[in-house]
Amino acid sequence: MLFYVEMKVKLPPEMDPDKAAQIKADEKAMFQKLQKEGIWRHIWRVAGQYANVSIFDVQSPQQLNDLLMQLPLFPYMTLDVRALCRHPSSIWDDDR
């Protein structure tokens, strides 16, 4: 199942810079692992914001929920999640 997920991040201004850097590094490591596994298929930065639009390929909404809640930045995110399905006019075979 494909899901569109928009993630907006807002770290507390008083957060220790070293803690913020560690959380971001942990998030990047988890993202790259999930990307290599084919779960986090795409990510795009939203220009001018600390936000991204991502496409996840998971077995169920529950799996997506569990993954999102494990993200190191999750406590500082606002999420917009939408289920996606293949468009019948698409010419791509991997639009699952």
PDB file of N, CA and C in Angstrom:
ATOM      1  N   MET A   1       0.842  -1.177   0.000  1.00  0.00           N
ATOM      2  CA  MET A   1       0.000   0.000   0.000  1.00  0.00           C
ATOM      3  C   MET A   1       0.888   1.241   0.000  1.00  0.00           C
ATOM      4  N   LEU A   2       0.519   2.191  -0.830  1.00  0.00           N
ATOM      5  CA  LEU A   2       1.260   3.447  -0.883  1.00  0.00           C
ATOM      6  C   LEU A   2       0.556   4.503  -0.050  1.00  0.00           C
ATOM      7  N   PHE A   3       1.363   5.308   0.631  1.00  0.00           N
ATOM      8  CA  PHE A   3       0.845   6.413   1.421  1.00  0.00           C
ATOM      9  C   PHE A   3       1.660   7.661   1.152  1.00  0.00           C
ATOM     10  N   TYR A   4       0.954   8.766   0.992  1.00  0.00           N
ATOM     11  CA  TYR A   4       1.540  10.102   0.933  1.00  0.00           C
ATOM     12  C   TYR A   4       1.604  10.589   2.372  1.00  0.00           C
ATOM     13  N   VAL A   5       2.772  11.046   2.789  1.00  0.00           N
ATOM     14  CA  VAL A   5       2.913  11.566   4.144  1.00  0.00           C
ATOM     15  C   VAL A   5       3.641  12.905   4.063  1.00  0.00           C
ATOM     16  N   GLU A   6       2.967  13.959   4.523  1.00  0.00           N
ATOM     17  CA  GLU A   6       3.619  15.255   4.642  1.00  0.00           C
ATOM     18  C   GLU A   6       4.019  15.428   6.097  1.00  0.00           C
ATOM     19  N   MET A   7       5.297  15.705   6.314  1.00  0.00           N
ATOM     20  CA  MET A   7       5.839  15.853   7.657  1.00  0.00           C
ATOM     21  C   MET A   7       6.328  17.279   7.845  1.00  0.00           C
ATOM     22  N   LYS A   8       5.764  17.953   8.835  1.00  0.00           N
ATOM     23  CA  LYS A   8       6.222  19.290   9.208  1.00  0.00           C
ATOM     24  C   LYS A   8       6.862  19.178  10.578  1.00  0.00           C
ATOM     25  N   VAL A   9       8.104  19.635  10.676  1.00  0.00           N
ATOM     26  CA  VAL A   9       8.872  19.487  11.904  1.00  0.00           C
ATOM     27  C   VAL A   9       9.014  20.843  12.589  1.00  0.00           C
ATOM     28  N   LYS A  10       8.805  20.832  13.908  1.00  0.00           N
ATOM     29  CA  LYS A  10       9.018  22.045  14.702  1.00  0.00           C
ATOM     30  C   LYS A  10       9.725  21.644  15.990  1.00  0.00           C
ATOM     31  N   LEU A  11      11.038  21.829  15.980  1.00  0.00           N
ATOM     32  CA  LEU A  11      11.827  21.562  17.180  1.00  0.00           C
ATOM     33  C   LEU A  11      11.673  22.732  18.148  1.00  0.00           C
ATOM     34  N   PRO A  12      11.629  22.456  19.436  1.00  0.00           N
ATOM     35  CA  PRO A  12      11.536  23.551  20.408  1.00  0.00           C
ATOM     36  C   PRO A  12      12.760  24.457  20.314  1.00  0.00           C
ATOM     37  N   PRO A  13      12.566  25.772  20.311  1.00  0.00           N
ATOM     38  CA  PRO A  13      13.711  26.687  20.185  1.00  0.00           C
ATOM     39  C   PRO A  13      14.732  26.509  21.314  1.00  0.00           C
ATOM     40  N   GLU A  14      14.270  26.036  22.465  1.00  0.00           N
ATOM     41  CA  GLU A  14      15.174  25.882  23.609  1.00  0.00           C
ATOM     42  C   GLU A  14      15.902  24.525  23.609  1.00  0.00           C
ATOM     43  N   MET A  15      15.654  23.692  22.588  1.00  0.00           N
ATOM     44  CA  MET A  15      16.312  22.383  22.554  1.00  0.00           C
ATOM     45  C   MET A  15      17.819  22.550  22.424  1.00  0.00           C
ATOM     46  N   ASP A  16      18.554  21.767  23.200  1.00  0.00           N
ATOM     47  CA  ASP A  16      20.004  21.777  23.144  1.00  0.00           C
ATOM     48  C   ASP A  16      20.455  21.446  21.717  1.00  0.00           C
ATOM     49  N   PRO A  17      21.333  22.258  21.124  1.00  0.00           N
ATOM     50  CA  PRO A  17      21.769  22.028  19.744  1.00  0.00           C
ATOM     51  C   PRO A  17      22.394  20.646  19.523  1.00  0.00           C
ATOM     52  N   ASP A  18      23.112  20.132  20.508  1.00  0.00           N
ATOM     53  CA  ASP A  18      23.705  18.797  20.367  1.00  0.00           C
ATOM     54  C   ASP A  18      22.619  17.722  20.337  1.00  0.00           C
ATOM     55  N   LYS A  19      21.596  17.886  21.168  1.00  0.00           N
ATOM     56  CA  LYS A  19      20.477  16.932  21.161  1.00  0.00           C
ATOM     57  C   LYS A  19      19.751  16.993  19.822  1.00  0.00           C
ATOM     58  N   ALA A  20      19.511  18.206  19.313  1.00  0.00           N
ATOM     59  CA  ALA A  20      18.848  18.361  18.020  1.00  0.00           C
ATOM     60  C   ALA A  20      19.667  17.695  16.913  1.00  0.00           C
ATOM     61  N   ALA A  21      20.977  17.886  16.933  1.00  0.00           N
ATOM     62  CA  ALA A  21      21.840  17.288  15.914  1.00  0.00           C
ATOM     63  C   ALA A  21      21.795  15.765  15.995  1.00  0.00           C
ATOM     64  N   GLN A  22      21.763  15.211  17.201  1.00  0.00           N
ATOM     65  CA  GLN A  22      21.705  13.761  17.357  1.00  0.00           C
ATOM     66  C   GLN A  22      20.381  13.194  16.867  1.00  0.00           C
ATOM     67  N   ILE A  23      19.282  13.866  17.187  1.00  0.00           N
ATOM     68  CA  ILE A  23      17.958  13.421  16.720  1.00  0.00           C
ATOM     69  C   ILE A  23      17.913  13.435  15.195  1.00  0.00           C
ATOM     70  N   LYS A  24      18.435  14.487  14.589  1.00  0.00           N
ATOM     71  CA  LYS A  24      18.449  14.579  13.127  1.00  0.00           C
ATOM     72  C   LYS A  24      19.318  13.490  12.509  1.00  0.00           C
ATOM     73  N   ALA A  25      20.451  13.191  13.119  1.00  0.00           N
ATOM     74  CA  ALA A  25      21.324  12.127  12.607  1.00  0.00           C
ATOM     75  C   ALA A  25      20.641  10.766  12.731  1.00  0.00           C
ATOM     76  N   ASP A  26      19.963  10.526  13.851  1.00  0.00           N
ATOM     77  CA  ASP A  26      19.228   9.269  14.040  1.00  0.00           C
ATOM     78  C   ASP A  26      18.099   9.147  13.026  1.00  0.00           C
ATOM     79  N   GLU A  27      17.407  10.258  12.773  1.00  0.00           N
ATOM     80  CA  GLU A  27      16.313  10.269  11.789  1.00  0.00           C
ATOM     81  C   GLU A  27      16.852   9.928  10.399  1.00  0.00           C
ATOM     82  N   LYS A  28      17.970  10.539  10.030  1.00  0.00           N
ATOM     83  CA  LYS A  28      18.565  10.284   8.715  1.00  0.00           C
ATOM     84  C   LYS A  28      18.962   8.823   8.576  1.00  0.00           C
ATOM     85  N   ALA A  29      19.559   8.244   9.608  1.00  0.00           N
ATOM     86  CA  ALA A  29      19.965   6.837   9.559  1.00  0.00           C
ATOM     87  C   ALA A  29      18.746   5.933   9.389  1.00  0.00           C
ATOM     88  N   MET A  30      17.682   6.224  10.108  1.00  0.00           N
ATOM     89  CA  MET A  30      16.470   5.399   9.983  1.00  0.00           C
ATOM     90  C   MET A  30      15.862   5.571   8.592  1.00  0.00           C
ATOM     91  N   PHE A  31      15.812   6.804   8.102  1.00  0.00           N
ATOM     92  CA  PHE A  31      15.288   7.065   6.767  1.00  0.00           C
ATOM     93  C   PHE A  31      16.065   6.287   5.712  1.00  0.00           C
ATOM     94  N   GLN A  32      17.387   6.345   5.787  1.00  0.00           N
ATOM     95  CA  GLN A  32      18.187   5.669   4.765  1.00  0.00           C
ATOM     96  C   GLN A  32      18.030   4.157   4.829  1.00  0.00           C
ATOM     97  N   LYS A  33      17.876   3.609   6.025  1.00  0.00           N
ATOM     98  CA  LYS A  33      17.636   2.174   6.169  1.00  0.00           C
ATOM     99  C   LYS A  33      16.297   1.799   5.526  1.00  0.00           C
ATOM    100  N   LEU A  34      15.251   2.563   5.831  1.00  0.00           N
ATOM    101  CA  LEU A  34      13.924   2.284   5.264  1.00  0.00           C
ATOM    102  C   LEU A  34      13.907   2.508   3.752  1.00  0.00           C
ATOM    103  N   GLN A  35      14.688   3.461   3.275  1.00  0.00           N
ATOM    104  CA  GLN A  35      14.769   3.699   1.839  1.00  0.00           C
ATOM    105  C   GLN A  35      15.433   2.501   1.147  1.00  0.00           C
ATOM    106  N   LYS A  36      16.506   1.994   1.716  1.00  0.00           N
ATOM    107  CA  LYS A  36      17.190   0.828   1.135  1.00  0.00           C
ATOM    108  C   LYS A  36      16.298  -0.400   1.137  1.00  0.00           C
ATOM    109  N   GLU A  37      15.401  -0.497   2.125  1.00  0.00           N
ATOM    110  CA  GLU A  37      14.462  -1.617   2.208  1.00  0.00           C
ATOM    111  C   GLU A  37      13.261  -1.451   1.271  1.00  0.00           C
ATOM    112  N   GLY A  38      13.155  -0.284   0.606  1.00  0.00           N
ATOM    113  CA  GLY A  38      12.048  -0.043  -0.312  1.00  0.00           C
ATOM    114  C   GLY A  38      10.774   0.411   0.362  1.00  0.00           C
ATOM    115  N   ILE A  39      10.834   0.720   1.641  1.00  0.00           N
ATOM    116  CA  ILE A  39       9.647   1.144   2.391  1.00  0.00           C
ATOM    117  C   ILE A  39       9.416   2.643   2.231  1.00  0.00           C
ATOM    118  N   TRP A  40      10.472   3.435   2.390  1.00  0.00           N
ATOM    119  CA  TRP A  40      10.381   4.889   2.231  1.00  0.00           C
ATOM    120  C   TRP A  40      10.830   5.168   0.809  1.00  0.00           C
ATOM    121  N   ARG A  41       9.876   5.155  -0.127  1.00  0.00           N
ATOM    122  CA  ARG A  41      10.223   5.155  -1.551  1.00  0.00           C
ATOM    123  C   ARG A  41      10.706   6.486  -2.079  1.00  0.00           C
ATOM    124  N   HIS A  42      10.117   7.575  -1.584  1.00  0.00           N
ATOM    125  CA  HIS A  42      10.479   8.900  -2.102  1.00  0.00           C
ATOM    126  C   HIS A  42      10.427   9.912  -0.971  1.00  0.00           C
ATOM    127  N   ILE A  43      11.244  10.958  -1.113  1.00  0.00           N
ATOM    128  CA  ILE A  43      11.178  12.084  -0.184  1.00  0.00           C
ATOM    129  C   ILE A  43      11.542  13.350  -0.954  1.00  0.00           C
ATOM    130  N   TRP A  44      10.774  14.406  -0.697  1.00  0.00           N
ATOM    131  CA  TRP A  44      11.027  15.720  -1.301  1.00  0.00           C
ATOM    132  C   TRP A  44      10.943  16.765  -0.208  1.00  0.00           C
ATOM    133  N   ARG A  45      11.878  17.683  -0.219  1.00  0.00           N
ATOM    134  CA  ARG A  45      11.854  18.826   0.690  1.00  0.00           C
ATOM    135  C   ARG A  45      10.778  19.792   0.209  1.00  0.00           C
ATOM    136  N   VAL A  46      10.029  20.376   1.145  1.00  0.00           N
ATOM    137  CA  VAL A  46       9.081  21.444   0.823  1.00  0.00           C
ATOM    138  C   VAL A  46       9.870  22.746   0.917  1.00  0.00           C
ATOM    139  N   ALA A  47       9.994  23.443  -0.196  1.00  0.00           N
ATOM    140  CA  ALA A  47      10.824  24.645  -0.259  1.00  0.00           C
ATOM    141  C   ALA A  47      10.405  25.665   0.789  1.00  0.00           C
ATOM    142  N   GLY A  48      11.398  26.179   1.498  1.00  0.00           N
ATOM    143  CA  GLY A  48      11.171  27.230   2.469  1.00  0.00           C
ATOM    144  C   GLY A  48      10.595  26.777   3.801  1.00  0.00           C
ATOM    145  N   GLN A  49      10.486  25.464   4.016  1.00  0.00           N
ATOM    146  CA  GLN A  49       9.920  24.951   5.269  1.00  0.00           C
ATOM    147  C   GLN A  49      10.802  23.829   5.803  1.00  0.00           C
ATOM    148  N   TYR A  50      10.676  23.584   7.096  1.00  0.00           N
ATOM    149  CA  TYR A  50      11.300  22.382   7.663  1.00  0.00           C
ATOM    150  C   TYR A  50      10.235  21.307   7.549  1.00  0.00           C
ATOM    151  N   ALA A  51      10.072  20.811   6.330  1.00  0.00           N
ATOM    152  CA  ALA A  51       9.000  19.872   6.007  1.00  0.00           C
ATOM    153  C   ALA A  51       9.407  19.049   4.798  1.00  0.00           C
ATOM    154  N   ASN A  52       8.749  17.887   4.665  1.00  0.00           N
ATOM    155  CA  ASN A  52       8.959  17.061   3.491  1.00  0.00           C
ATOM    156  C   ASN A  52       7.671  16.375   3.105  1.00  0.00           C
ATOM    157  N   VAL A  53       7.651  15.914   1.869  1.00  0.00           N
ATOM    158  CA  VAL A  53       6.587  15.054   1.362  1.00  0.00           C
ATOM    159  C   VAL A  53       7.255  13.738   1.019  1.00  0.00           C
ATOM    160  N   SER A  54       6.696  12.656   1.558  1.00  0.00           N
ATOM    161  CA  SER A  54       7.285  11.337   1.371  1.00  0.00           C
ATOM    162  C   SER A  54       6.242  10.354   0.881  1.00  0.00           C
ATOM    163  N   ILE A  55       6.709   9.323   0.193  1.00  0.00           N
ATOM    164  CA  ILE A  55       5.856   8.211  -0.219  1.00  0.00           C
ATOM    165  C   ILE A  55       6.386   6.952   0.464  1.00  0.00           C
ATOM    166  N   PHE A  56       5.489   6.286   1.186  1.00  0.00           N
ATOM    167  CA  PHE A  56       5.813   5.037   1.872  1.00  0.00           C
ATOM    168  C   PHE A  56       5.101   3.889   1.169  1.00  0.00           C
ATOM    169  N   ASP A  57       5.772   2.755   1.104  1.00  0.00           N
ATOM    170  CA  ASP A  57       5.208   1.529   0.543  1.00  0.00           C
ATOM    171  C   ASP A  57       5.213   0.484   1.659  1.00  0.00           C
ATOM    172  N   VAL A  58       4.061   0.270   2.271  1.00  0.00           N
ATOM    173  CA  VAL A  58       3.942  -0.606   3.438  1.00  0.00           C
ATOM    174  C   VAL A  58       2.828  -1.629   3.220  1.00  0.00           C
ATOM    175  N   GLN A  59       2.771  -2.621   4.108  1.00  0.00           N
ATOM    176  CA  GLN A  59       1.760  -3.675   4.000  1.00  0.00           C
ATOM    177  C   GLN A  59       0.397  -3.247   4.520  1.00  0.00           C
ATOM    178  N   SER A  60       0.370  -2.262   5.438  1.00  0.00           N
ATOM    179  CA  SER A  60      -0.902  -1.896   6.061  1.00  0.00           C
ATOM    180  C   SER A  60      -0.803  -0.509   6.687  1.00  0.00           C
ATOM    181  N   PRO A  61      -1.954   0.102   6.975  1.00  0.00           N
ATOM    182  CA  PRO A  61      -1.935   1.362   7.713  1.00  0.00           C
ATOM    183  C   PRO A  61      -1.280   1.202   9.085  1.00  0.00           C
ATOM    184  N   GLN A  62      -1.467   0.061   9.701  1.00  0.00           N
ATOM    185  CA  GLN A  62      -0.852  -0.175  11.012  1.00  0.00           C
ATOM    186  C   GLN A  62       0.667  -0.167  10.923  1.00  0.00           C
ATOM    187  N   GLN A  63       1.226  -0.784   9.867  1.00  0.00           N
ATOM    188  CA  GLN A  63       2.676  -0.772   9.699  1.00  0.00           C
ATOM    189  C   GLN A  63       3.178   0.659   9.533  1.00  0.00           C
ATOM    190  N   LEU A  64       2.467   1.456   8.743  1.00  0.00           N
ATOM    191  CA  LEU A  64       2.866   2.854   8.569  1.00  0.00           C
ATOM    192  C   LEU A  64       2.818   3.584   9.902  1.00  0.00           C
ATOM    193  N   ASN A  65       1.736   3.412  10.643  1.00  0.00           N
ATOM    194  CA  ASN A  65       1.596   4.062  11.940  1.00  0.00           C
ATOM    195  C   ASN A  65       2.765   3.693  12.851  1.00  0.00           C
ATOM    196  N   ASP A  66       3.086   2.403  12.903  1.00  0.00           N
ATOM    197  CA  ASP A  66       4.184   1.951  13.760  1.00  0.00           C
ATOM    198  C   ASP A  66       5.517   2.567  13.339  1.00  0.00           C
ATOM    199  N   LEU A  67       5.766   2.639  12.027  1.00  0.00           N
ATOM    200  CA  LEU A  67       7.018   3.234  11.535  1.00  0.00           C
ATOM    201  C   LEU A  67       7.100   4.719  11.878  1.00  0.00           C
ATOM    202  N   LEU A  68       6.023   5.427  11.623  1.00  0.00           N
ATOM    203  CA  LEU A  68       6.034   6.867  11.877  1.00  0.00           C
ATOM    204  C   LEU A  68       6.271   7.166  13.351  1.00  0.00           C
ATOM    205  N   MET A  69       5.652   6.385  14.215  1.00  0.00           N
ATOM    206  CA  MET A  69       5.800   6.621  15.653  1.00  0.00           C
ATOM    207  C   MET A  69       7.211   6.302  16.151  1.00  0.00           C
ATOM    208  N   GLN A  70       7.977   5.540  15.378  1.00  0.00           N
ATOM    209  CA  GLN A  70       9.358   5.213  15.753  1.00  0.00           C
ATOM    210  C   GLN A  70      10.366   6.254  15.272  1.00  0.00           C
ATOM    211  N   LEU A  71       9.932   7.163  14.403  1.00  0.00           N
ATOM    212  CA  LEU A  71      10.866   8.164  13.885  1.00  0.00           C
ATOM    213  C   LEU A  71      11.357   9.051  15.029  1.00  0.00           C
ATOM    214  N   PRO A  72      12.658   9.293  15.101  1.00  0.00           N
ATOM    215  CA  PRO A  72      13.194  10.129  16.175  1.00  0.00           C
ATOM    216  C   PRO A  72      12.575  11.533  16.231  1.00  0.00           C
ATOM    217  N   LEU A  73      12.181  12.074  15.074  1.00  0.00           N
ATOM    218  CA  LEU A  73      11.569  13.407  15.048  1.00  0.00           C
ATOM    219  C   LEU A  73      10.052  13.374  15.263  1.00  0.00           C
ATOM    220  N   PHE A  74       9.464  12.189  15.393  1.00  0.00           N
ATOM    221  CA  PHE A  74       8.007  12.071  15.512  1.00  0.00           C
ATOM    222  C   PHE A  74       7.404  12.991  16.584  1.00  0.00           C
ATOM    223  N   PRO A  75       8.000  13.097  17.772  1.00  0.00           N
ATOM    224  CA  PRO A  75       7.383  13.959  18.789  1.00  0.00           C
ATOM    225  C   PRO A  75       7.300  15.434  18.379  1.00  0.00           C
ATOM    226  N   TYR A  76       8.049  15.813  17.362  1.00  0.00           N
ATOM    227  CA  TYR A  76       8.112  17.213  16.941  1.00  0.00           C
ATOM    228  C   TYR A  76       7.447  17.431  15.577  1.00  0.00           C
ATOM    229  N   MET A  77       6.664  16.445  15.119  1.00  0.00           N
ATOM    230  CA  MET A  77       6.065  16.494  13.782  1.00  0.00           C
ATOM    231  C   MET A  77       4.565  16.702  13.825  1.00  0.00           C
ATOM    232  N   THR A  78       4.103  17.367  12.789  1.00  0.00           N
ATOM    233  CA  THR A  78       2.694  17.366  12.435  1.00  0.00           C
ATOM    234  C   THR A  78       2.615  16.597  11.120  1.00  0.00           C
ATOM    235  N   LEU A  79       1.721  15.612  11.042  1.00  0.00           N
ATOM    236  CA  LEU A  79       1.649  14.726   9.883  1.00  0.00           C
ATOM    237  C   LEU A  79       0.322  14.867   9.158  1.00  0.00           C
ATOM    238  N   ASP A  80       0.383  14.757   7.849  1.00  0.00           N
ATOM    239  CA  ASP A  80      -0.802  14.639   6.997  1.00  0.00           C
ATOM    240  C   ASP A  80      -0.592  13.367   6.189  1.00  0.00           C
ATOM    241  N   VAL A  81      -1.439  12.371   6.428  1.00  0.00           N
ATOM    242  CA  VAL A  81      -1.282  11.051   5.804  1.00  0.00           C
ATOM    243  C   VAL A  81      -2.481  10.784   4.902  1.00  0.00           C
ATOM    244  N   ARG A  82      -2.192  10.305   3.685  1.00  0.00           N
ATOM    245  CA  ARG A  82      -3.252   9.972   2.724  1.00  0.00           C
ATOM    246  C   ARG A  82      -2.907   8.661   2.026  1.00  0.00           C
ATOM    247  N   ALA A  83      -3.883   7.765   1.964  1.00  0.00           N
ATOM    248  CA  ALA A  83      -3.703   6.518   1.221  1.00  0.00           C
ATOM    249  C   ALA A  83      -3.734   6.824  -0.271  1.00  0.00           C
ATOM    250  N   LEU A  84      -2.897   6.119  -1.031  1.00  0.00           N
ATOM    251  CA  LEU A  84      -2.821   6.305  -2.475  1.00  0.00           C
ATOM    252  C   LEU A  84      -3.135   4.992  -3.181  1.00  0.00           C
ATOM    253  N   CYS A  85      -3.646   5.101  -4.380  1.00  0.00           N
ATOM    254  CA  CYS A  85      -3.820   3.911  -5.212  1.00  0.00           C
ATOM    255  C   CYS A  85      -3.379   4.252  -6.633  1.00  0.00           C
ATOM    256  N   ARG A  86      -3.075   3.226  -7.374  1.00  0.00           N
ATOM    257  CA  ARG A  86      -2.558   3.391  -8.736  1.00  0.00           C
ATOM    258  C   ARG A  86      -3.604   4.059  -9.624  1.00  0.00           C
ATOM    259  N   HIS A  87      -3.149   5.009 -10.409  1.00  0.00           N
ATOM    260  CA  HIS A  87      -4.037   5.672 -11.365  1.00  0.00           C
ATOM    261  C   HIS A  87      -4.093   4.821 -12.627  1.00  0.00           C
ATOM    262  N   PRO A  88      -5.274   4.568 -13.169  1.00  0.00           N
ATOM    263  CA  PRO A  88      -5.382   3.688 -14.332  1.00  0.00           C
ATOM    264  C   PRO A  88      -4.682   4.208 -15.593  1.00  0.00           C
ATOM    265  N   SER A  89      -4.392   5.497 -15.647  1.00  0.00           N
ATOM    266  CA  SER A  89      -3.724   6.055 -16.829  1.00  0.00           C
ATOM    267  C   SER A  89      -2.200   6.059 -16.723  1.00  0.00           C
ATOM    268  N   SER A  90      -1.664   5.630 -15.579  1.00  0.00           N
ATOM    269  CA  SER A  90      -0.215   5.639 -15.404  1.00  0.00           C
ATOM    270  C   SER A  90       0.451   4.659 -16.369  1.00  0.00           C
ATOM    271  N   ILE A  91       1.590   5.083 -16.908  1.00  0.00           N
ATOM    272  CA  ILE A  91       2.335   4.190 -17.810  1.00  0.00           C
ATOM    273  C   ILE A  91       3.384   3.385 -17.052  1.00  0.00           C
ATOM    274  N   TRP A  92       3.570   3.631 -15.740  1.00  0.00           N
ATOM    275  CA  TRP A  92       4.601   2.968 -14.947  1.00  0.00           C
ATOM    276  C   TRP A  92       4.055   1.696 -14.318  1.00  0.00           C
ATOM    277  N   ASP A  93       4.862   0.646 -14.350  1.00  0.00           N
ATOM    278  CA  ASP A  93       4.459  -0.630 -13.791  1.00  0.00           C
ATOM    279  C   ASP A  93       4.667  -0.741 -12.293  1.00  0.00           C
ATOM    280  N   ASP A  94       5.460   0.149 -11.723  1.00  0.00           N
ATOM    281  CA  ASP A  94       5.776   0.023 -10.289  1.00  0.00           C
ATOM    282  C   ASP A  94       4.992   1.017  -9.435  1.00  0.00           C
ATOM    283  N   ASP A  95       3.824   1.405  -9.888  1.00  0.00           N
ATOM    284  CA  ASP A  95       2.972   2.346  -9.150  1.00  0.00           C
ATOM    285  C   ASP A  95       2.095   1.671  -8.113  1.00  0.00           C
ATOM    286  N   ARG A  96       2.509   0.571  -7.599  1.00  0.00           N
ATOM    287  CA  ARG A  96       1.657  -0.208  -6.705  1.00  0.00           C
ATOM    288  C   ARG A  96       0.832   0.627  -5.801  1.00  0.00           C
TER     289      ARG A  96
END
